[in-house]
Amino acid sequence: MNRIIHILQFVLKLNIVKSLYYSIRFGGRVFIGKGNIHIEGNGKIDFRTKASSLFIGVYHTIPTATTITLMQNARLVVGANAKIHRGTKIVVHEGGTLEIGDNTYINELARVHCRKNITIGNDCAIAWSTNILDTDLHTIYDEAGQPINTDQAIHIGNKVWIGANTTVLKGTCIEDNSIIAAQSVVHGKVEGNYIYAGNPLKQIKTFATWN
């Protein structure tokens, strides 16, 4: 009985029409609650396996809708049980690729801007109001008219916990099994099995695992 009630509660959160439309369109399982997907040109969602699934704006109760924008030639690649919670805004710009692994969630009111490549591994927890950007969004030029702040890919490994209000900047590589404390600014290489905090980011202590 409890399982039936749980299923009914889940179904009542869904926009059935949108969920069916995007599931059929992209050949995978898409569950949309309070959320919208904007596709430009041949932007698309790819599913790693038949078990892959994407939940958009289903979980938590804030009234703000999730929005995902995929521009021309943009790809959103998802694994199994990938969750993007309410109020989060994701933009994959032209030619960019954003990958979200198995059992990873991006919590409420986060912002992700991907112009090149952002990879988020399996079993990751991205807390609320986190910003992840592989771009500065605005280009800065030198005297010769050449750009000096080019986009740089971001890699976030498996089992990474990023605390609330953290900003992950372009060119960052966070190794597996890392913890980033709330309100940190992350740039460069982050070694696994450490807790980090601050701006500038500093190693705080080692640890074995987190749950």
C-alpha atoms as a PDB file:
ATOM      1  CA  MET A   1       0.000   0.000   0.000  1.00  0.00           C
ATOM      2  CA  ASN A   2       2.776   2.460   0.898  1.00  0.00           C
ATOM      3  CA  ARG A   3       4.441   1.804  -2.458  1.00  0.00           C
ATOM      4  CA  ILE A   4       1.194   2.516  -4.295  1.00  0.00           C
ATOM      5  CA  ILE A   5       0.731   5.776  -2.380  1.00  0.00           C
ATOM      6  CA  HIS A   6       4.322   6.766  -3.174  1.00  0.00           C
ATOM      7  CA  ILE A   7       3.811   6.105  -6.879  1.00  0.00           C
ATOM      8  CA  LEU A   8       0.577   8.096  -6.926  1.00  0.00           C
ATOM      9  CA  GLN A   9       2.236  11.039  -5.163  1.00  0.00           C
ATOM     10  CA  PHE A  10       5.046  10.953  -7.718  1.00  0.00           C
ATOM     11  CA  VAL A  11       2.679  10.819 -10.698  1.00  0.00           C
ATOM     12  CA  LEU A  12       0.681  13.768  -9.351  1.00  0.00           C
ATOM     13  CA  LYS A  13       3.852  15.891  -9.428  1.00  0.00           C
ATOM     14  CA  LEU A  14       4.387  15.249 -13.139  1.00  0.00           C
ATOM     15  CA  ASN A  15       3.394  17.148 -16.212  1.00  0.00           C
ATOM     16  CA  ILE A  16       2.355  14.035 -18.093  1.00  0.00           C
ATOM     17  CA  VAL A  17       2.156  15.669 -21.520  1.00  0.00           C
ATOM     18  CA  LYS A  18       5.645  17.197 -21.341  1.00  0.00           C
ATOM     19  CA  SER A  19       7.125  14.026 -19.855  1.00  0.00           C
ATOM     20  CA  LEU A  20       5.728  11.835 -22.627  1.00  0.00           C
ATOM     21  CA  TYR A  21       6.658  14.300 -25.366  1.00  0.00           C
ATOM     22  CA  TYR A  22      10.330  14.587 -24.415  1.00  0.00           C
ATOM     23  CA  SER A  23      10.635  10.888 -23.598  1.00  0.00           C
ATOM     24  CA  ILE A  24       9.414   9.986 -27.080  1.00  0.00           C
ATOM     25  CA  ARG A  25      11.364  12.761 -28.791  1.00  0.00           C
ATOM     26  CA  PHE A  26      14.717  11.769 -27.333  1.00  0.00           C
ATOM     27  CA  GLY A  27      14.164   8.053 -26.853  1.00  0.00           C
ATOM     28  CA  GLY A  28      14.634   7.917 -23.077  1.00  0.00           C
ATOM     29  CA  ARG A  29      12.838   8.454 -19.800  1.00  0.00           C
ATOM     30  CA  VAL A  30      12.187  12.109 -18.999  1.00  0.00           C
ATOM     31  CA  PHE A  31      10.059  13.071 -15.994  1.00  0.00           C
ATOM     32  CA  ILE A  32       9.069  16.736 -15.852  1.00  0.00           C
ATOM     33  CA  GLY A  33       7.296  18.318 -12.917  1.00  0.00           C
ATOM     34  CA  LYS A  34       7.535  22.087 -12.579  1.00  0.00           C
ATOM     35  CA  GLY A  35       9.980  22.742 -15.391  1.00  0.00           C
ATOM     36  CA  ASN A  36      10.567  23.656 -19.012  1.00  0.00           C
ATOM     37  CA  ILE A  37      12.990  22.580 -21.743  1.00  0.00           C
ATOM     38  CA  HIS A  38      13.871  24.960 -24.562  1.00  0.00           C
ATOM     39  CA  ILE A  39      15.509  23.355 -27.603  1.00  0.00           C
ATOM     40  CA  GLU A  40      17.118  25.369 -30.375  1.00  0.00           C
ATOM     41  CA  GLY A  41      17.864  23.692 -33.718  1.00  0.00           C
ATOM     42  CA  ASN A  42      19.357  20.237 -33.203  1.00  0.00           C
ATOM     43  CA  GLY A  43      20.140  20.538 -29.517  1.00  0.00           C
ATOM     44  CA  LYS A  44      19.336  17.229 -27.846  1.00  0.00           C
ATOM     45  CA  ILE A  45      19.260  15.034 -24.757  1.00  0.00           C
ATOM     46  CA  ASP A  46      21.288  11.816 -24.950  1.00  0.00           C
ATOM     47  CA  PHE A  47      20.847   8.837 -22.629  1.00  0.00           C
ATOM     48  CA  ARG A  48      23.895   6.702 -21.770  1.00  0.00           C
ATOM     49  CA  THR A  49      21.953   3.466 -21.437  1.00  0.00           C
ATOM     50  CA  LYS A  50      18.397   2.153 -21.523  1.00  0.00           C
ATOM     51  CA  ALA A  51      18.352   2.545 -17.737  1.00  0.00           C
ATOM     52  CA  SER A  52      19.097   6.272 -17.937  1.00  0.00           C
ATOM     53  CA  SER A  53      16.473   8.701 -16.656  1.00  0.00           C
ATOM     54  CA  LEU A  54      16.195  12.457 -16.155  1.00  0.00           C
ATOM     55  CA  PHE A  55      14.026  14.161 -13.535  1.00  0.00           C
ATOM     56  CA  ILE A  56      13.397  17.879 -14.101  1.00  0.00           C
ATOM     57  CA  GLY A  57      11.682  20.038 -11.484  1.00  0.00           C
ATOM     58  CA  VAL A  58      10.011  17.061  -9.812  1.00  0.00           C
ATOM     59  CA  TYR A  59      11.495  17.167  -6.348  1.00  0.00           C
ATOM     60  CA  HIS A  60      11.227  19.773  -3.567  1.00  0.00           C
ATOM     61  CA  THR A  61       8.467  22.284  -3.174  1.00  0.00           C
ATOM     62  CA  ILE A  62       9.680  25.774  -4.106  1.00  0.00           C
ATOM     63  CA  PRO A  63       7.383  27.385  -6.702  1.00  0.00           C
ATOM     64  CA  THR A  64      10.122  28.336  -9.172  1.00  0.00           C
ATOM     65  CA  ALA A  65      10.283  26.165 -12.278  1.00  0.00           C
ATOM     66  CA  THR A  66      13.443  24.477 -13.539  1.00  0.00           C
ATOM     67  CA  THR A  67      14.569  25.701 -16.953  1.00  0.00           C
ATOM     68  CA  ILE A  68      16.898  23.889 -19.338  1.00  0.00           C
ATOM     69  CA  THR A  69      18.007  25.563 -22.572  1.00  0.00           C
ATOM     70  CA  LEU A  70      19.863  23.572 -25.223  1.00  0.00           C
ATOM     71  CA  MET A  71      21.152  25.712 -28.066  1.00  0.00           C
ATOM     72  CA  GLN A  72      22.226  24.684 -31.558  1.00  0.00           C
ATOM     73  CA  ASN A  73      24.447  21.542 -31.485  1.00  0.00           C
ATOM     74  CA  ALA A  74      24.237  21.434 -27.671  1.00  0.00           C
ATOM     75  CA  ARG A  75      24.032  18.101 -25.851  1.00  0.00           C
ATOM     76  CA  LEU A  76      22.801  17.131 -22.403  1.00  0.00           C
ATOM     77  CA  VAL A  77      24.027  13.598 -21.625  1.00  0.00           C
ATOM     78  CA  VAL A  78      22.469  11.844 -18.617  1.00  0.00           C
ATOM     79  CA  GLY A  79      22.915   8.594 -16.743  1.00  0.00           C
ATOM     80  CA  ALA A  80      20.479   6.736 -14.501  1.00  0.00           C
ATOM     81  CA  ASN A  81      18.434   8.709 -11.987  1.00  0.00           C
ATOM     82  CA  ALA A  82      19.864  12.135 -12.824  1.00  0.00           C
ATOM     83  CA  LYS A  83      17.884  14.817 -10.982  1.00  0.00           C
ATOM     84  CA  ILE A  84      17.687  18.559 -11.567  1.00  0.00           C
ATOM     85  CA  HIS A  85      15.606  20.095  -8.811  1.00  0.00           C
ATOM     86  CA  ARG A  86      13.227  23.027  -8.921  1.00  0.00           C
ATOM     87  CA  GLY A  87      14.431  26.557  -9.566  1.00  0.00           C
ATOM     88  CA  THR A  88      17.662  25.451 -11.234  1.00  0.00           C
ATOM     89  CA  LYS A  89      18.658  27.049 -14.531  1.00  0.00           C
ATOM     90  CA  ILE A  90      20.866  25.206 -17.013  1.00  0.00           C
ATOM     91  CA  VAL A  91      22.066  26.652 -20.306  1.00  0.00           C
ATOM     92  CA  VAL A  92      24.142  24.564 -22.707  1.00  0.00           C
ATOM     93  CA  HIS A  93      25.367  27.009 -25.309  1.00  0.00           C
ATOM     94  CA  GLU A  94      25.996  26.309 -28.977  1.00  0.00           C
ATOM     95  CA  GLY A  95      28.293  23.307 -29.414  1.00  0.00           C
ATOM     96  CA  GLY A  96      28.591  22.634 -25.673  1.00  0.00           C
ATOM     97  CA  THR A  97      28.172  19.295 -23.872  1.00  0.00           C
ATOM     98  CA  LEU A  98      26.965  18.861 -20.291  1.00  0.00           C
ATOM     99  CA  GLU A  99      27.148  15.363 -18.797  1.00  0.00           C
ATOM    100  CA  ILE A 100      25.410  14.318 -15.572  1.00  0.00           C
ATOM    101  CA  GLY A 101      26.164  10.855 -14.189  1.00  0.00           C
ATOM    102  CA  ASP A 102      24.187   8.160 -12.402  1.00  0.00           C
ATOM    103  CA  ASN A 103      22.428   9.042  -9.139  1.00  0.00           C
ATOM    104  CA  THR A 104      23.648  12.634  -9.247  1.00  0.00           C
ATOM    105  CA  TYR A 105      21.426  15.567  -8.310  1.00  0.00           C
ATOM    106  CA  ILE A 106      21.676  19.312  -8.769  1.00  0.00           C
ATOM    107  CA  ASN A 107      19.711  21.014  -6.027  1.00  0.00           C
ATOM    108  CA  GLU A 108      17.405  24.023  -5.979  1.00  0.00           C
ATOM    109  CA  LEU A 109      18.352  27.371  -7.535  1.00  0.00           C
ATOM    110  CA  ALA A 110      21.678  26.223  -8.957  1.00  0.00           C
ATOM    111  CA  ARG A 111      23.044  27.763 -12.175  1.00  0.00           C
ATOM    112  CA  VAL A 112      25.009  25.892 -14.826  1.00  0.00           C
ATOM    113  CA  HIS A 113      26.388  27.599 -17.941  1.00  0.00           C
ATOM    114  CA  CYS A 114      28.193  25.304 -20.369  1.00  0.00           C
ATOM    115  CA  ARG A 115      29.845  26.612 -23.529  1.00  0.00           C
ATOM    116  CA  LYS A 116      32.525  23.949 -23.911  1.00  0.00           C
ATOM    117  CA  ASN A 117      32.278  20.825 -21.758  1.00  0.00           C
ATOM    118  CA  ILE A 118      31.155  20.170 -18.180  1.00  0.00           C
ATOM    119  CA  THR A 119      31.266  16.612 -16.848  1.00  0.00           C
ATOM    120  CA  ILE A 120      29.670  15.719 -13.506  1.00  0.00           C
ATOM    121  CA  GLY A 121      30.270  12.121 -12.401  1.00  0.00           C
ATOM    122  CA  ASN A 122      28.197   9.503 -10.609  1.00  0.00           C
ATOM    123  CA  ASP A 123      26.778   9.808  -7.065  1.00  0.00           C
ATOM    124  CA  CYS A 124      27.411  13.552  -6.791  1.00  0.00           C
ATOM    125  CA  ALA A 125      25.517  16.019  -4.610  1.00  0.00           C
ATOM    126  CA  ILE A 126      25.441  19.578  -5.943  1.00  0.00           C
ATOM    127  CA  ALA A 127      23.867  21.754  -3.252  1.00  0.00           C
ATOM    128  CA  TRP A 128      21.456  24.650  -3.668  1.00  0.00           C
ATOM    129  CA  SER A 129      22.502  27.954  -5.230  1.00  0.00           C
ATOM    130  CA  THR A 130      25.733  26.511  -6.620  1.00  0.00           C
ATOM    131  CA  ASN A 131      27.164  28.090  -9.779  1.00  0.00           C
ATOM    132  CA  ILE A 132      29.102  25.989 -12.316  1.00  0.00           C
ATOM    133  CA  LEU A 133      30.502  27.877 -15.328  1.00  0.00           C
ATOM    134  CA  ASP A 134      33.057  26.797 -17.921  1.00  0.00           C
ATOM    135  CA  THR A 135      32.899  30.309 -19.372  1.00  0.00           C
ATOM    136  CA  ASP A 136      33.081  33.936 -18.253  1.00  0.00           C
ATOM    137  CA  LEU A 137      30.053  34.588 -20.513  1.00  0.00           C
ATOM    138  CA  HIS A 138      31.573  37.917 -21.610  1.00  0.00           C
ATOM    139  CA  THR A 139      34.710  37.954 -23.754  1.00  0.00           C
ATOM    140  CA  ILE A 140      37.681  40.163 -22.862  1.00  0.00           C
ATOM    141  CA  TYR A 141      40.014  41.266 -25.674  1.00  0.00           C
ATOM    142  CA  ASP A 142      43.617  42.485 -25.740  1.00  0.00           C
ATOM    143  CA  GLU A 143      44.916  45.466 -27.716  1.00  0.00           C
ATOM    144  CA  ALA A 144      45.181  43.328 -30.867  1.00  0.00           C
ATOM    145  CA  GLY A 145      41.550  42.284 -30.606  1.00  0.00           C
ATOM    146  CA  GLN A 146      42.346  38.725 -29.473  1.00  0.00           C
ATOM    147  CA  PRO A 147      40.298  37.086 -26.703  1.00  0.00           C
ATOM    148  CA  ILE A 148      42.205  36.564 -23.456  1.00  0.00           C
ATOM    149  CA  ASN A 149      39.614  34.649 -21.433  1.00  0.00           C
ATOM    150  CA  THR A 150      38.763  31.576 -23.490  1.00  0.00           C
ATOM    151  CA  ASP A 151      36.324  28.906 -22.257  1.00  0.00           C
ATOM    152  CA  GLN A 152      37.823  25.921 -20.393  1.00  0.00           C
ATOM    153  CA  ALA A 153      36.227  22.549 -19.633  1.00  0.00           C
ATOM    154  CA  ILE A 154      35.187  21.492 -16.125  1.00  0.00           C
ATOM    155  CA  HIS A 155      35.481  17.937 -14.791  1.00  0.00           C
ATOM    156  CA  ILE A 156      33.766  16.906 -11.549  1.00  0.00           C
ATOM    157  CA  GLY A 157      34.542  13.294 -10.627  1.00  0.00           C
ATOM    158  CA  ASN A 158      32.455  10.589  -8.972  1.00  0.00           C
ATOM    159  CA  LYS A 159      31.087  10.954  -5.440  1.00  0.00           C
ATOM    160  CA  VAL A 160      31.734  14.675  -5.102  1.00  0.00           C
ATOM    161  CA  TRP A 161      29.760  16.793  -2.635  1.00  0.00           C
ATOM    162  CA  ILE A 162      29.664  20.511  -3.404  1.00  0.00           C
ATOM    163  CA  GLY A 163      28.231  22.684  -0.634  1.00  0.00           C
ATOM    164  CA  ALA A 164      25.661  25.458  -0.965  1.00  0.00           C
ATOM    165  CA  ASN A 165      26.482  28.773  -2.643  1.00  0.00           C
ATOM    166  CA  THR A 166      29.752  27.469  -4.059  1.00  0.00           C
ATOM    167  CA  THR A 167      31.079  28.686  -7.418  1.00  0.00           C
ATOM    168  CA  VAL A 168      32.998  26.299  -9.675  1.00  0.00           C
ATOM    169  CA  LEU A 169      34.987  28.224 -12.283  1.00  0.00           C
ATOM    170  CA  LYS A 170      36.228  27.237 -15.725  1.00  0.00           C
ATOM    171  CA  GLY A 171      39.272  24.974 -15.939  1.00  0.00           C
ATOM    172  CA  THR A 172      38.430  23.181 -12.682  1.00  0.00           C
ATOM    173  CA  CYS A 173      39.102  19.455 -12.195  1.00  0.00           C
ATOM    174  CA  ILE A 174      37.679  17.947  -8.981  1.00  0.00           C
ATOM    175  CA  GLU A 175      38.867  14.388  -8.420  1.00  0.00           C
ATOM    176  CA  ASP A 176      36.699  11.520  -7.113  1.00  0.00           C
ATOM    177  CA  ASN A 177      35.535  11.487  -3.489  1.00  0.00           C
ATOM    178  CA  SER A 178      35.941  15.179  -2.697  1.00  0.00           C
ATOM    179  CA  ILE A 179      33.977  17.549  -0.480  1.00  0.00           C
ATOM    180  CA  ILE A 180      33.767  21.292  -1.129  1.00  0.00           C
ATOM    181  CA  ALA A 181      32.438  23.333   1.793  1.00  0.00           C
ATOM    182  CA  ALA A 182      29.661  25.894   1.367  1.00  0.00           C
ATOM    183  CA  GLN A 183      30.428  29.321  -0.136  1.00  0.00           C
ATOM    184  CA  SER A 184      33.751  28.233  -1.611  1.00  0.00           C
ATOM    185  CA  VAL A 185      35.234  29.321  -4.945  1.00  0.00           C
ATOM    186  CA  VAL A 186      36.829  26.450  -6.867  1.00  0.00           C
ATOM    187  CA  HIS A 187      39.413  26.766  -9.618  1.00  0.00           C
ATOM    188  CA  GLY A 188      42.196  24.469 -10.823  1.00  0.00           C
ATOM    189  CA  LYS A 189      42.877  20.899  -9.713  1.00  0.00           C
ATOM    190  CA  VAL A 190      41.276  19.535  -6.535  1.00  0.00           C
ATOM    191  CA  GLU A 191      42.710  16.259  -5.176  1.00  0.00           C
ATOM    192  CA  GLY A 192      40.392  13.492  -4.025  1.00  0.00           C
ATOM    193  CA  ASN A 193      39.833  12.362  -0.411  1.00  0.00           C
ATOM    194  CA  TYR A 194      40.093  15.901   0.967  1.00  0.00           C
ATOM    195  CA  ILE A 195      37.650  18.438   2.370  1.00  0.00           C
ATOM    196  CA  TYR A 196      38.189  21.915   0.897  1.00  0.00           C
ATOM    197  CA  ALA A 197      36.838  25.315   1.871  1.00  0.00           C
ATOM    198  CA  GLY A 198      37.201  29.010   1.275  1.00  0.00           C
ATOM    199  CA  ASN A 199      38.228  31.642  -1.244  1.00  0.00           C
ATOM    200  CA  PRO A 200      41.004  31.059  -2.052  1.00  0.00           C
ATOM    201  CA  LEU A 201      40.284  27.352  -1.721  1.00  0.00           C
ATOM    202  CA  LYS A 202      42.319  25.446   0.878  1.00  0.00           C
ATOM    203  CA  GLN A 203      42.634  21.812   1.947  1.00  0.00           C
ATOM    204  CA  ILE A 204      41.090  21.363   5.384  1.00  0.00           C
ATOM    205  CA  LYS A 205      41.493  17.653   6.183  1.00  0.00           C
ATOM    206  CA  THR A 206      41.464  14.193   4.679  1.00  0.00           C
ATOM    207  CA  PHE A 207      38.507  11.812   4.959  1.00  0.00           C
ATOM    208  CA  ALA A 208      37.587   8.264   3.923  1.00  0.00           C
ATOM    209  CA  THR A 209      34.064   8.567   2.504  1.00  0.00           C
ATOM    210  CA  TRP A 210      30.795  10.444   2.883  1.00  0.00           C
ATOM    211  CA  ASN A 211      27.151   9.413   2.737  1.00  0.00           C
END
